[in-house]
Amino acid sequence: IRAAPAQFPASPLRAYVRPVEPQAALPAMRPLYDRWRQGRTGPLLRDDWWWQTRVLRGGYEGVTFTPPGGDEPEGYMVFTVP
């Protein structure tokens, strides 16, 4: 999607979103993706090549979401900023 941050509604959950470098967050992102993918028929299994080529090739930024009281992220988003 293309949207300015001001276009999104304010949420108290934003306090739990943290910017990350995708390379540093990859160990947390991969299991999240795999858990989300289970039981679905559309999402593909992603191997090391895919993560290295598509996500970590550069030009991407990312955020993780760790809920209150949590130790590990429960969500992530990878994006580019034009």
N, C-alpha and C. Protein backbone atom coordinates (compact mmCIF):
# COMPACT_ATOMS: atom_id res chain seq x y z
N ILE A 1 0.85 -1.19 0.00
CA ILE A 1 0.00 0.00 0.00
C ILE A 1 0.88 1.23 0.00
N ARG A 2 0.35 2.31 -0.44
CA ARG A 2 1.06 3.58 -0.37
C ARG A 2 0.22 4.52 0.50
N ALA A 3 0.79 4.89 1.61
CA ALA A 3 0.06 5.76 2.54
C ALA A 3 1.06 6.49 3.42
N ALA A 4 0.73 7.70 3.75
CA ALA A 4 1.54 8.46 4.71
C ALA A 4 1.15 8.03 6.12
N PRO A 5 2.09 8.04 7.05
CA PRO A 5 1.75 7.65 8.42
C PRO A 5 0.56 8.41 8.99
N ALA A 6 0.39 9.65 8.62
CA ALA A 6 -0.73 10.43 9.14
C ALA A 6 -2.08 9.91 8.68
N GLN A 7 -2.10 9.07 7.66
CA GLN A 7 -3.36 8.53 7.15
C GLN A 7 -3.88 7.36 7.99
N PHE A 8 -3.06 6.82 8.85
CA PHE A 8 -3.47 5.69 9.68
C PHE A 8 -4.06 6.19 10.99
N PRO A 9 -5.06 5.49 11.52
CA PRO A 9 -5.64 5.91 12.79
C PRO A 9 -4.65 5.69 13.93
N ALA A 10 -4.74 6.55 14.93
CA ALA A 10 -3.89 6.39 16.11
C ALA A 10 -4.30 5.13 16.86
N SER A 11 -3.35 4.48 17.46
CA SER A 11 -3.64 3.25 18.21
C SER A 11 -2.72 3.18 19.42
N PRO A 12 -3.24 2.76 20.57
CA PRO A 12 -2.37 2.59 21.73
C PRO A 12 -1.35 1.47 21.53
N LEU A 13 -1.61 0.57 20.57
CA LEU A 13 -0.67 -0.52 20.31
C LEU A 13 0.61 -0.03 19.64
N ARG A 14 0.60 1.17 19.11
CA ARG A 14 1.82 1.69 18.44
C ARG A 14 3.00 1.78 19.40
N ALA A 15 2.74 1.83 20.69
CA ALA A 15 3.82 1.89 21.68
C ALA A 15 4.66 0.61 21.68
N TYR A 16 4.14 -0.46 21.08
CA TYR A 16 4.84 -1.75 21.09
C TYR A 16 5.45 -2.10 19.75
N VAL A 17 5.47 -1.14 18.83
CA VAL A 17 6.08 -1.32 17.52
C VAL A 17 7.46 -0.68 17.55
N ARG A 18 8.45 -1.45 17.13
CA ARG A 18 9.83 -0.97 17.15
C ARG A 18 10.48 -1.12 15.78
N PRO A 19 11.20 -0.10 15.33
CA PRO A 19 11.93 -0.25 14.07
C PRO A 19 13.09 -1.23 14.25
N VAL A 20 13.35 -2.00 13.23
CA VAL A 20 14.46 -2.96 13.26
C VAL A 20 15.10 -3.02 11.88
N GLU A 21 16.30 -3.49 11.86
CA GLU A 21 16.95 -3.86 10.61
C GLU A 21 16.48 -5.27 10.29
N PRO A 22 15.99 -5.52 9.08
CA PRO A 22 15.54 -6.88 8.76
C PRO A 22 16.60 -7.94 9.01
N GLN A 23 17.87 -7.65 8.73
CA GLN A 23 18.93 -8.65 8.95
C GLN A 23 18.99 -9.06 10.42
N ALA A 24 18.88 -8.09 11.32
CA ALA A 24 18.94 -8.39 12.74
C ALA A 24 17.68 -9.10 13.22
N ALA A 25 16.55 -8.81 12.61
CA ALA A 25 15.27 -9.38 13.05
C ALA A 25 14.94 -10.72 12.39
N LEU A 26 15.73 -11.13 11.40
CA LEU A 26 15.40 -12.35 10.66
C LEU A 26 15.18 -13.57 11.54
N PRO A 27 15.99 -13.81 12.57
CA PRO A 27 15.73 -14.99 13.42
C PRO A 27 14.35 -14.97 14.07
N ALA A 28 13.77 -13.82 14.31
CA ALA A 28 12.42 -13.74 14.88
C ALA A 28 11.36 -13.76 13.78
N MET A 29 11.67 -13.19 12.62
CA MET A 29 10.69 -13.07 11.54
C MET A 29 10.35 -14.42 10.91
N ARG A 30 11.35 -15.24 10.69
CA ARG A 30 11.10 -16.51 9.99
C ARG A 30 10.13 -17.41 10.73
N PRO A 31 10.29 -17.64 12.05
CA PRO A 31 9.30 -18.49 12.75
C PRO A 31 7.90 -17.86 12.76
N LEU A 32 7.82 -16.54 12.82
CA LEU A 32 6.51 -15.89 12.77
C LEU A 32 5.82 -16.17 11.45
N TYR A 33 6.56 -16.04 10.36
CA TYR A 33 6.00 -16.33 9.05
C TYR A 33 5.55 -17.79 8.96
N ASP A 34 6.41 -18.71 9.42
CA ASP A 34 6.07 -20.13 9.34
C ASP A 34 4.84 -20.49 10.16
N ARG A 35 4.69 -19.89 11.34
CA ARG A 35 3.49 -20.14 12.15
C ARG A 35 2.25 -19.60 11.46
N TRP A 36 2.37 -18.40 10.88
CA TRP A 36 1.22 -17.80 10.19
C TRP A 36 0.83 -18.63 8.97
N ARG A 37 1.79 -19.18 8.27
CA ARG A 37 1.58 -19.92 7.03
C ARG A 37 0.87 -21.25 7.27
N GLN A 38 1.07 -21.85 8.43
CA GLN A 38 0.51 -23.17 8.70
C GLN A 38 -1.01 -23.15 8.63
N GLY A 39 -1.56 -24.16 7.97
CA GLY A 39 -3.01 -24.27 7.85
C GLY A 39 -3.59 -23.45 6.73
N ARG A 40 -2.77 -22.73 5.98
CA ARG A 40 -3.25 -21.93 4.85
C ARG A 40 -2.80 -22.61 3.55
N THR A 41 -3.53 -22.36 2.48
CA THR A 41 -3.20 -23.00 1.22
C THR A 41 -2.46 -22.08 0.25
N GLY A 42 -2.39 -20.80 0.49
CA GLY A 42 -1.74 -19.88 -0.45
C GLY A 42 -0.28 -19.56 -0.16
N PRO A 43 0.08 -19.27 1.09
CA PRO A 43 1.46 -18.88 1.39
C PRO A 43 2.46 -20.00 1.13
N LEU A 44 3.60 -19.62 0.61
CA LEU A 44 4.62 -20.59 0.24
C LEU A 44 5.65 -20.78 1.34
N LEU A 45 6.25 -21.96 1.36
CA LEU A 45 7.39 -22.21 2.23
C LEU A 45 8.55 -21.39 1.70
N ARG A 46 9.21 -20.64 2.57
CA ARG A 46 10.32 -19.77 2.15
C ARG A 46 11.62 -20.35 2.65
N ASP A 47 12.57 -20.55 1.73
CA ASP A 47 13.87 -21.10 2.11
C ASP A 47 14.89 -19.98 2.34
N ASP A 48 16.11 -20.37 2.70
CA ASP A 48 17.16 -19.38 2.96
C ASP A 48 17.38 -18.46 1.78
N TRP A 49 17.38 -19.02 0.56
CA TRP A 49 17.60 -18.20 -0.63
C TRP A 49 16.57 -17.07 -0.71
N TRP A 50 15.29 -17.41 -0.48
CA TRP A 50 14.24 -16.40 -0.58
C TRP A 50 14.45 -15.28 0.42
N TRP A 51 14.71 -15.62 1.67
CA TRP A 51 14.90 -14.59 2.69
C TRP A 51 16.11 -13.72 2.36
N GLN A 52 17.20 -14.33 1.92
CA GLN A 52 18.41 -13.56 1.61
C GLN A 52 18.22 -12.67 0.37
N THR A 53 17.55 -13.21 -0.66
CA THR A 53 17.41 -12.49 -1.92
C THR A 53 16.29 -11.47 -1.90
N ARG A 54 15.16 -11.84 -1.34
CA ARG A 54 13.99 -10.98 -1.39
C ARG A 54 13.88 -9.99 -0.23
N VAL A 55 14.24 -10.40 0.95
CA VAL A 55 14.05 -9.56 2.13
C VAL A 55 15.33 -8.82 2.52
N LEU A 56 16.45 -9.51 2.47
CA LEU A 56 17.69 -8.93 3.00
C LEU A 56 18.60 -8.34 1.94
N ARG A 57 18.14 -8.25 0.72
CA ARG A 57 19.02 -7.76 -0.35
C ARG A 57 19.32 -6.27 -0.22
N GLY A 58 18.61 -5.59 0.61
CA GLY A 58 18.85 -4.17 0.82
C GLY A 58 17.68 -3.32 0.37
N GLY A 59 17.62 -2.12 0.91
CA GLY A 59 16.56 -1.21 0.54
C GLY A 59 15.28 -1.38 1.33
N TYR A 60 15.25 -2.33 2.23
CA TYR A 60 14.06 -2.56 3.04
C TYR A 60 14.27 -2.07 4.46
N GLU A 61 13.19 -1.63 5.06
CA GLU A 61 13.17 -1.32 6.48
C GLU A 61 12.15 -2.24 7.12
N GLY A 62 12.12 -2.27 8.43
CA GLY A 62 11.16 -3.15 9.08
C GLY A 62 10.80 -2.71 10.47
N VAL A 63 9.71 -3.26 10.96
CA VAL A 63 9.27 -3.05 12.33
C VAL A 63 8.82 -4.39 12.89
N THR A 64 8.91 -4.51 14.20
CA THR A 64 8.36 -5.67 14.89
C THR A 64 7.35 -5.19 15.92
N PHE A 65 6.44 -6.08 16.27
CA PHE A 65 5.44 -5.80 17.30
C PHE A 65 5.63 -6.80 18.43
N THR A 66 5.93 -6.29 19.62
CA THR A 66 6.05 -7.12 20.82
C THR A 66 5.01 -6.63 21.80
N PRO A 67 3.99 -7.44 22.11
CA PRO A 67 2.91 -6.98 22.97
C PRO A 67 3.39 -6.73 24.40
N PRO A 68 2.58 -6.00 25.17
CA PRO A 68 2.95 -5.71 26.55
C PRO A 68 3.23 -7.00 27.32
N GLY A 69 4.34 -7.00 28.03
CA GLY A 69 4.71 -8.16 28.81
C GLY A 69 5.36 -9.28 28.02
N GLY A 70 5.45 -9.11 26.70
CA GLY A 70 6.05 -10.15 25.87
C GLY A 70 7.56 -10.00 25.77
N ASP A 71 8.22 -11.10 25.54
CA ASP A 71 9.67 -11.09 25.37
C ASP A 71 10.08 -11.18 23.91
N GLU A 72 9.23 -11.79 23.10
CA GLU A 72 9.54 -12.02 21.70
C GLU A 72 8.50 -11.31 20.81
N PRO A 73 8.92 -10.87 19.63
CA PRO A 73 7.95 -10.26 18.71
C PRO A 73 6.84 -11.24 18.33
N GLU A 74 5.64 -10.70 18.12
CA GLU A 74 4.51 -11.50 17.65
C GLU A 74 4.09 -11.10 16.25
N GLY A 75 4.77 -10.11 15.69
CA GLY A 75 4.45 -9.69 14.33
C GLY A 75 5.57 -8.85 13.77
N TYR A 76 5.57 -8.71 12.46
CA TYR A 76 6.58 -7.88 11.80
C TYR A 76 6.03 -7.35 10.49
N MET A 77 6.71 -6.36 9.96
CA MET A 77 6.39 -5.82 8.65
C MET A 77 7.70 -5.36 8.03
N VAL A 78 7.90 -5.69 6.77
CA VAL A 78 9.06 -5.25 6.01
C VAL A 78 8.55 -4.38 4.88
N PHE A 79 9.21 -3.25 4.64
CA PHE A 79 8.69 -2.30 3.66
C PHE A 79 9.82 -1.48 3.06
N THR A 80 9.50 -0.79 1.98
CA THR A 80 10.43 0.18 1.38
C THR A 80 9.78 1.55 1.49
N VAL A 81 10.62 2.55 1.57
CA VAL A 81 10.14 3.92 1.60
C VAL A 81 10.64 4.61 0.34
N PRO A 82 9.73 4.96 -0.58
CA PRO A 82 10.16 5.58 -1.84
C PRO A 82 10.71 6.99 -1.61
